[in-house]
Amino acid sequence: MSNCSSAVFNTNTNQTVIQTYNATTYKNCSIDDALDSDTFQYQGGENEFGKPITIVVALTKEGPQYYFSGADDGIQCQHGMAFEISVGHGLGLPPSLNQPPPPPYVEPPTTTEEGQTPTTTIVSRSPNSNGVTIGAHLSWMVLMSSLALYPFVERA
């Protein structure tokens, strides 16, 4: 028994991988009478004949699954290019992908008293800051910038 979440087929563009949940479709090596809800056809979609491709099929449904080659109207399937697997309940996502959900969105406050500029905080992280956050209030920076740029006039 193996723990995996997908089936990987290394094939080429002139081959077709058929996935079905229908045992009859599998035994007949044909999708002619298959339903769209239980049989899926995977192919490379390339215009170049015989180009190597990898087809990855996610194993998302528990129970028996059947795979066969749909090439040559099922001839390859009839000669043995077919197999059955049983998919059981998985272990969940690997630790590298199992992250907590983001916090819920909170609307920012929209009201300010008339004549007041809302305070805005600019957060900057430089690559070499070792995680230190530098914050500054924009209204204070604008005030300081205005004073620095204000032309000084000498009065006589």
Protein backbone atom coordinates (compact mmCIF):
# COMPACT_ATOMS: atom_id res chain seq x y z
CA MET A 1 0.00 0.00 0.00
CA SER A 2 1.34 3.42 -0.92
CA ASN A 3 0.51 6.91 0.37
CA CYS A 4 0.18 9.19 -2.63
CA SER A 5 -2.23 11.82 -3.85
CA SER A 6 -1.88 11.45 -7.60
CA ALA A 7 -1.16 8.99 -10.37
CA VAL A 8 1.68 10.00 -12.70
CA PHE A 9 1.88 8.77 -16.28
CA ASN A 10 5.06 9.29 -18.30
CA THR A 11 3.90 8.86 -21.86
CA ASN A 12 3.89 10.76 -25.15
CA THR A 13 1.51 12.95 -27.13
CA ASN A 14 0.13 10.14 -29.29
CA GLN A 15 -1.16 8.24 -26.21
CA THR A 16 -4.33 8.79 -24.19
CA VAL A 17 -4.84 7.93 -20.52
CA ILE A 18 -8.39 6.99 -19.55
CA GLN A 19 -9.51 7.19 -15.90
CA THR A 20 -12.86 5.64 -15.02
CA TYR A 21 -14.86 4.63 -11.96
CA ASN A 22 -16.96 2.32 -14.14
CA ALA A 23 -15.83 -1.34 -14.13
CA THR A 24 -17.72 -2.08 -17.36
CA THR A 25 -15.96 0.72 -19.24
CA TYR A 26 -12.66 -0.64 -17.94
CA LYS A 27 -13.43 -4.26 -18.94
CA ASN A 28 -14.54 -3.14 -22.43
CA CYS A 29 -11.41 -0.99 -22.93
CA SER A 30 -13.68 1.59 -24.50
CA ILE A 31 -15.21 4.96 -23.56
CA ASP A 32 -17.93 4.74 -26.21
CA ASP A 33 -20.74 4.10 -23.68
CA ALA A 34 -19.12 5.89 -20.72
CA LEU A 35 -20.72 8.73 -18.80
CA ASP A 36 -19.05 12.14 -18.54
CA SER A 37 -19.45 11.90 -14.75
CA ASP A 38 -17.44 8.67 -14.32
CA THR A 39 -14.87 8.60 -17.12
CA PHE A 40 -12.16 11.11 -17.97
CA GLN A 41 -9.77 11.24 -20.89
CA TYR A 42 -6.31 12.78 -20.47
CA GLN A 43 -4.12 13.58 -23.42
CA GLY A 44 -1.19 15.82 -24.09
CA GLY A 45 -2.98 18.39 -26.23
CA GLU A 46 0.16 18.91 -28.28
CA ASN A 47 0.27 19.09 -32.05
CA GLU A 48 3.68 17.42 -32.15
CA PHE A 49 3.47 13.64 -32.60
CA GLY A 50 5.34 11.44 -30.10
CA LYS A 51 6.58 14.27 -27.84
CA PRO A 52 7.28 13.00 -24.28
CA ILE A 53 4.78 14.29 -21.67
CA THR A 54 3.84 13.67 -18.07
CA ILE A 55 0.16 13.42 -17.16
CA VAL A 56 -0.70 13.86 -13.47
CA VAL A 57 -4.13 12.67 -12.31
CA ALA A 58 -5.24 13.72 -8.82
CA LEU A 59 -6.65 10.90 -6.69
CA THR A 60 -9.57 12.76 -5.12
CA LYS A 61 -12.27 10.09 -4.94
CA GLU A 62 -12.17 7.10 -2.60
CA GLY A 63 -12.84 3.63 -3.97
CA PRO A 64 -11.83 1.63 -7.05
CA GLN A 65 -10.39 3.52 -10.00
CA TYR A 66 -9.47 2.06 -13.34
CA TYR A 67 -6.90 3.30 -15.84
CA PHE A 68 -6.22 2.19 -19.36
CA SER A 69 -4.66 3.30 -22.61
CA GLY A 70 -7.21 4.67 -25.04
CA ALA A 71 -4.74 4.55 -27.95
CA ASP A 72 -5.64 2.60 -31.08
CA ASP A 73 -9.31 2.36 -30.06
CA GLY A 74 -8.49 0.32 -26.96
CA ILE A 75 -6.16 -2.20 -28.63
CA GLN A 76 -3.32 -1.39 -26.20
CA CYS A 77 -5.74 -1.84 -23.27
CA GLN A 78 -6.82 -5.23 -24.62
CA HIS A 79 -3.13 -6.22 -24.71
CA GLY A 80 -2.60 -5.32 -21.06
CA MET A 81 -2.05 -1.57 -20.83
CA ALA A 82 -4.63 -1.27 -18.04
CA PHE A 83 -4.71 -1.42 -14.25
CA GLU A 84 -6.98 -0.96 -11.25
CA ILE A 85 -6.20 0.83 -7.99
CA SER A 86 -8.14 1.31 -4.77
CA VAL A 87 -7.99 4.80 -3.28
CA GLY A 88 -8.52 5.06 0.46
CA HIS A 89 -8.89 7.98 2.83
CA GLY A 90 -5.72 10.06 2.74
CA LEU A 91 -3.54 11.38 5.49
CA GLY A 92 -4.19 15.00 4.50
CA LEU A 93 -1.78 17.54 3.14
CA PRO A 94 1.95 17.16 3.74
CA PRO A 95 3.28 19.44 6.53
CA SER A 96 4.90 21.77 3.98
CA LEU A 97 1.45 22.56 2.50
CA ASN A 98 -0.62 22.41 5.68
CA GLN A 99 -0.84 26.07 6.72
CA PRO A 100 -3.41 27.74 8.97
CA PRO A 101 -6.03 29.83 7.18
CA PRO A 102 -5.42 33.58 6.98
CA PRO A 103 -7.14 35.79 9.56
CA PRO A 104 -10.60 37.11 8.63
CA TYR A 105 -10.77 40.40 6.76
CA VAL A 106 -11.58 43.45 8.89
CA GLU A 107 -12.91 46.62 7.28
CA PRO A 108 -10.65 49.61 7.98
CA PRO A 109 -12.26 52.53 9.83
CA THR A 110 -13.83 54.98 7.38
CA THR A 111 -14.71 57.96 9.58
CA THR A 112 -12.36 60.83 10.39
CA GLU A 113 -13.15 64.12 11.97
CA GLU A 114 -13.41 67.01 9.53
CA GLY A 115 -10.12 68.75 8.95
CA GLN A 116 -8.10 65.80 10.22
CA THR A 117 -5.86 63.70 8.05
CA PRO A 118 -6.16 60.00 8.84
CA THR A 119 -2.99 58.47 10.19
CA THR A 120 -1.36 56.09 7.76
CA THR A 121 1.42 53.73 8.75
CA ILE A 122 4.03 52.67 6.24
CA VAL A 123 5.71 49.36 7.03
CA SER A 124 8.98 48.50 5.40
CA ARG A 125 11.02 45.33 5.60
CA SER A 126 14.42 45.31 4.05
CA PRO A 127 16.06 42.02 3.09
CA ASN A 128 18.78 42.55 5.73
CA SER A 129 16.52 43.70 8.58
CA ASN A 130 16.43 40.25 10.23
CA GLY A 131 12.65 40.55 10.60
CA VAL A 132 12.72 44.03 12.19
CA THR A 133 9.78 46.19 11.13
CA ILE A 134 10.30 49.91 10.64
CA GLY A 135 7.16 52.03 10.92
CA ALA A 136 6.57 55.74 10.37
CA HIS A 137 3.46 57.88 10.39
CA LEU A 138 2.87 59.41 6.97
CA SER A 139 1.40 62.67 8.30
CA TRP A 140 4.58 63.27 10.35
CA MET A 141 6.76 62.50 7.32
CA VAL A 142 4.77 64.89 5.13
CA LEU A 143 5.10 67.64 7.73
CA MET A 144 8.85 67.14 8.04
CA SER A 145 9.25 67.02 4.25
CA SER A 146 7.26 70.24 3.89
CA LEU A 147 9.46 72.02 6.42
CA ALA A 148 12.61 70.80 4.71
CA LEU A 149 11.42 72.08 1.34
CA TYR A 150 9.98 75.41 2.63
CA PRO A 151 12.08 78.23 1.14
CA PHE A 152 13.63 80.42 3.78
CA VAL A 153 13.34 84.10 2.95
CA GLU A 154 15.59 86.64 4.60
CA ARG A 155 13.78 89.67 5.89
CA ALA A 156 15.41 93.03 5.95
